[in-house]
Amino acid sequence: AGLANRLFVAQHSDDMAGMVLIDPATEFDNEIMSPELRQQQQTAVGMFNGFAFMAKTGLLRLMGTENMAGSAPFISTDPANPDIYYTFIADPQWWAASAQEFESGLNEAHMTMVRGQGAIPDIPLVIIGSDVLDAGGSATMENLQNARYEKLQALAAQSTQGEFVIAEDSTHNIIH
């Protein structure tokens, strides 16, 4: 969604009062990711499409939260409100949209379009980055996280009203 939001603000900057980007994809992600990580993300697109099919048939509901945790660790369960899990997992449209968004975020043509839009307009801008590495905290992932922080800080600096904030103890799904 970060790339799409950036294209929107570039095309409608006169209508924008400000922007908040939550751990967004950037036009630099492919160049700072290892080939192995890019391949893993491409594989995830197929997995998400498979989950969309399984959700249509009801198989994901039957699997339950415990069995899905390994395949979808980014979706946390709230013991006080377990139905929120099914709001996401059981909805085939959620998985299909996630697959499309993920695929779009890996698409070099989309990144090139964003690069061609130039700098972010000088509007209030907050970019929120995640703090906890989703992939277990390996040295490779830590290097990627640091490279992303640098890119997100530079992106925020494009606006004199820009700010980069790290959401402590959060993964990529900060809002959850």
Protein backbone atom coordinates (compact mmCIF):
# COMPACT_ATOMS: atom_id res chain seq x y z
CA ALA A 1 0.00 0.00 0.00
CA GLY A 2 2.95 2.35 0.52
CA LEU A 3 3.71 2.56 -3.19
CA ALA A 4 0.06 3.11 -4.12
CA ASN A 5 -0.29 5.82 -1.48
CA ARG A 6 2.83 7.54 -2.75
CA LEU A 7 1.50 7.53 -6.33
CA PHE A 8 -1.82 8.91 -5.12
CA VAL A 9 -0.25 11.78 -3.18
CA ALA A 10 1.99 12.64 -6.15
CA GLN A 11 -1.01 12.85 -8.45
CA HIS A 12 -3.30 14.65 -5.98
CA SER A 13 -0.89 16.68 -3.85
CA ASP A 14 -3.14 19.76 -3.93
CA ASP A 15 -5.88 17.75 -2.23
CA MET A 16 -3.65 16.26 0.48
CA ALA A 17 -3.58 17.68 3.99
CA GLY A 18 -1.00 15.14 5.15
CA MET A 19 -0.03 11.48 5.00
CA VAL A 20 0.73 8.63 7.39
CA LEU A 21 2.58 5.60 6.03
CA ILE A 22 2.67 2.51 8.25
CA ASP A 23 5.79 0.39 7.62
CA PRO A 24 5.45 1.04 3.89
CA ALA A 25 7.04 -0.67 0.96
CA THR A 26 9.44 1.69 -0.78
CA GLU A 27 10.80 1.99 -4.28
CA PHE A 28 14.15 0.78 -2.89
CA ASP A 29 13.00 -2.48 -1.29
CA ASN A 30 14.09 -4.75 -4.14
CA GLU A 31 17.61 -3.32 -4.19
CA ILE A 32 18.15 -3.71 -0.43
CA MET A 33 16.65 -7.24 -0.21
CA SER A 34 18.72 -10.33 -0.79
CA PRO A 35 17.71 -12.52 -3.76
CA GLU A 36 16.69 -15.24 -1.27
CA LEU A 37 14.32 -12.90 0.56
CA ARG A 38 12.80 -11.68 -2.71
CA GLN A 39 12.21 -15.33 -3.67
CA GLN A 40 10.55 -16.00 -0.30
CA GLN A 41 8.24 -13.05 -0.83
CA GLN A 42 7.32 -14.26 -4.34
CA THR A 43 6.51 -17.65 -2.79
CA ALA A 44 4.28 -15.93 -0.24
CA VAL A 45 2.10 -14.55 -3.05
CA GLY A 46 1.29 -18.11 -4.14
CA MET A 47 0.68 -19.14 -0.54
CA PHE A 48 -1.75 -16.24 -0.02
CA ASN A 49 -3.65 -17.21 -3.17
CA GLY A 50 -3.82 -20.78 -1.85
CA PHE A 51 -5.17 -19.50 1.46
CA ALA A 52 -7.82 -17.50 -0.43
CA PHE A 53 -9.01 -20.74 -2.04
CA MET A 54 -8.94 -22.57 1.30
CA ALA A 55 -10.93 -19.77 2.90
CA LYS A 56 -13.60 -20.08 0.20
CA THR A 57 -14.00 -23.76 0.99
CA GLY A 58 -13.98 -23.30 4.78
CA LEU A 59 -10.75 -25.26 5.27
CA LEU A 60 -9.01 -22.41 7.05
CA ARG A 61 -11.75 -22.22 9.67
CA LEU A 62 -11.42 -25.95 10.25
CA MET A 63 -7.66 -25.64 10.69
CA GLY A 64 -8.07 -23.32 13.65
CA THR A 65 -5.78 -20.64 14.99
CA GLU A 66 -3.15 -23.02 16.38
CA ASN A 67 -2.57 -24.74 13.05
CA MET A 68 -2.48 -21.52 11.05
CA ALA A 69 0.03 -19.79 13.33
CA GLY A 70 3.02 -21.31 11.51
CA SER A 71 1.76 -20.22 8.10
CA ALA A 72 0.40 -16.85 9.11
CA PRO A 73 2.38 -15.69 12.16
CA PHE A 74 1.77 -12.08 11.19
CA ILE A 75 -1.86 -12.45 12.22
CA SER A 76 -1.97 -12.45 15.97
CA THR A 77 -4.78 -13.79 18.04
CA ASP A 78 -6.28 -11.89 20.91
CA PRO A 79 -7.33 -14.27 23.70
CA ALA A 80 -9.98 -11.76 24.79
CA ASN A 81 -11.45 -11.61 21.27
CA PRO A 82 -10.65 -14.78 19.28
CA ASP A 83 -13.20 -13.93 16.57
CA ILE A 84 -10.96 -11.14 15.28
CA TYR A 85 -8.66 -13.85 13.97
CA TYR A 86 -11.43 -15.23 11.79
CA THR A 87 -12.27 -11.77 10.51
CA PHE A 88 -9.03 -12.05 8.55
CA ILE A 89 -8.29 -15.74 8.14
CA ALA A 90 -11.74 -16.87 7.02
CA ASP A 91 -12.25 -14.10 4.48
CA PRO A 92 -11.07 -15.14 0.99
CA GLN A 93 -11.15 -11.52 -0.15
CA TRP A 94 -8.69 -10.59 2.59
CA TRP A 95 -6.21 -13.20 1.34
CA ALA A 96 -6.71 -12.25 -2.32
CA ALA A 97 -6.19 -8.56 -1.52
CA SER A 98 -3.12 -9.43 0.57
CA ALA A 99 -1.68 -11.42 -2.34
CA GLN A 100 -2.30 -8.55 -4.76
CA GLU A 101 -0.81 -5.98 -2.40
CA PHE A 102 2.22 -8.15 -1.72
CA GLU A 103 2.76 -8.80 -5.42
CA SER A 104 2.37 -5.11 -6.21
CA GLY A 105 4.95 -4.23 -3.58
CA LEU A 106 7.47 -6.52 -5.30
CA ASN A 107 6.74 -5.22 -8.78
CA GLU A 108 9.72 -3.31 -10.17
CA ALA A 109 7.48 -1.45 -12.64
CA HIS A 110 5.49 -0.02 -9.71
CA MET A 111 8.70 1.01 -7.98
CA THR A 112 9.88 2.73 -11.16
CA MET A 113 6.58 4.62 -11.37
CA VAL A 114 7.06 5.90 -7.81
CA ARG A 115 10.67 6.90 -8.54
CA GLY A 116 9.41 8.89 -11.52
CA GLN A 117 7.00 10.92 -9.36
CA GLY A 118 9.81 12.80 -7.63
CA ALA A 119 9.89 13.87 -4.02
CA ILE A 120 6.97 13.78 -1.63
CA PRO A 121 5.23 17.17 -1.50
CA ASP A 122 5.94 19.34 1.53
CA ILE A 123 2.97 18.15 3.61
CA PRO A 124 2.73 16.82 7.16
CA LEU A 125 4.14 13.30 6.89
CA VAL A 126 4.58 10.57 9.49
CA ILE A 127 6.21 7.28 8.59
CA ILE A 128 5.90 4.55 11.21
CA GLY A 129 8.38 1.68 11.04
CA SER A 130 8.20 -1.69 12.78
CA ASP A 131 10.61 -2.64 15.52
CA VAL A 132 10.53 -6.43 15.70
CA LEU A 133 11.88 -8.44 12.81
CA ASP A 134 9.23 -10.79 11.39
CA ALA A 135 11.78 -13.37 10.31
CA GLY A 136 13.46 -14.22 13.58
CA GLY A 137 16.09 -11.53 13.98
CA SER A 138 18.94 -13.03 11.93
CA ALA A 139 21.92 -10.83 11.12
CA THR A 140 20.77 -10.64 7.49
CA MET A 141 17.32 -9.47 8.56
CA GLU A 142 18.85 -6.97 10.98
CA ASN A 143 20.92 -5.50 8.14
CA LEU A 144 17.78 -5.29 6.00
CA GLN A 145 15.89 -3.59 8.84
CA ASN A 146 18.66 -1.02 9.26
CA ALA A 147 18.74 -0.36 5.50
CA ARG A 148 14.94 0.09 5.54
CA TYR A 149 15.20 2.52 8.46
CA GLU A 150 17.69 4.60 6.47
CA LYS A 151 15.39 4.64 3.42
CA LEU A 152 12.31 5.49 5.51
CA GLN A 153 14.18 8.29 7.33
CA ALA A 154 15.29 9.72 3.98
CA LEU A 155 11.72 9.47 2.69
CA ALA A 156 10.40 11.34 5.73
CA ALA A 157 13.09 13.99 5.25
CA GLN A 158 11.67 14.82 1.80
CA SER A 159 9.06 16.88 3.63
CA THR A 160 10.11 19.65 6.01
CA GLN A 161 7.16 18.41 8.05
CA GLY A 162 8.24 14.76 7.86
CA GLU A 163 8.91 12.49 10.80
CA PHE A 164 10.04 8.87 11.06
CA VAL A 165 8.88 6.97 14.15
CA ILE A 166 9.58 3.40 15.22
CA ALA A 167 6.63 1.60 16.81
CA GLU A 168 8.29 -0.26 19.67
CA ASP A 169 7.60 -3.99 20.05
CA SER A 170 5.71 -4.17 16.74
CA THR A 171 6.06 -6.32 13.65
CA HIS A 172 5.12 -5.21 10.14
CA ASN A 173 1.44 -5.46 11.09
CA ILE A 174 1.69 -2.53 13.49
CA ILE A 175 -2.05 -1.88 13.56
CA HIS A 176 -2.73 -5.36 14.90
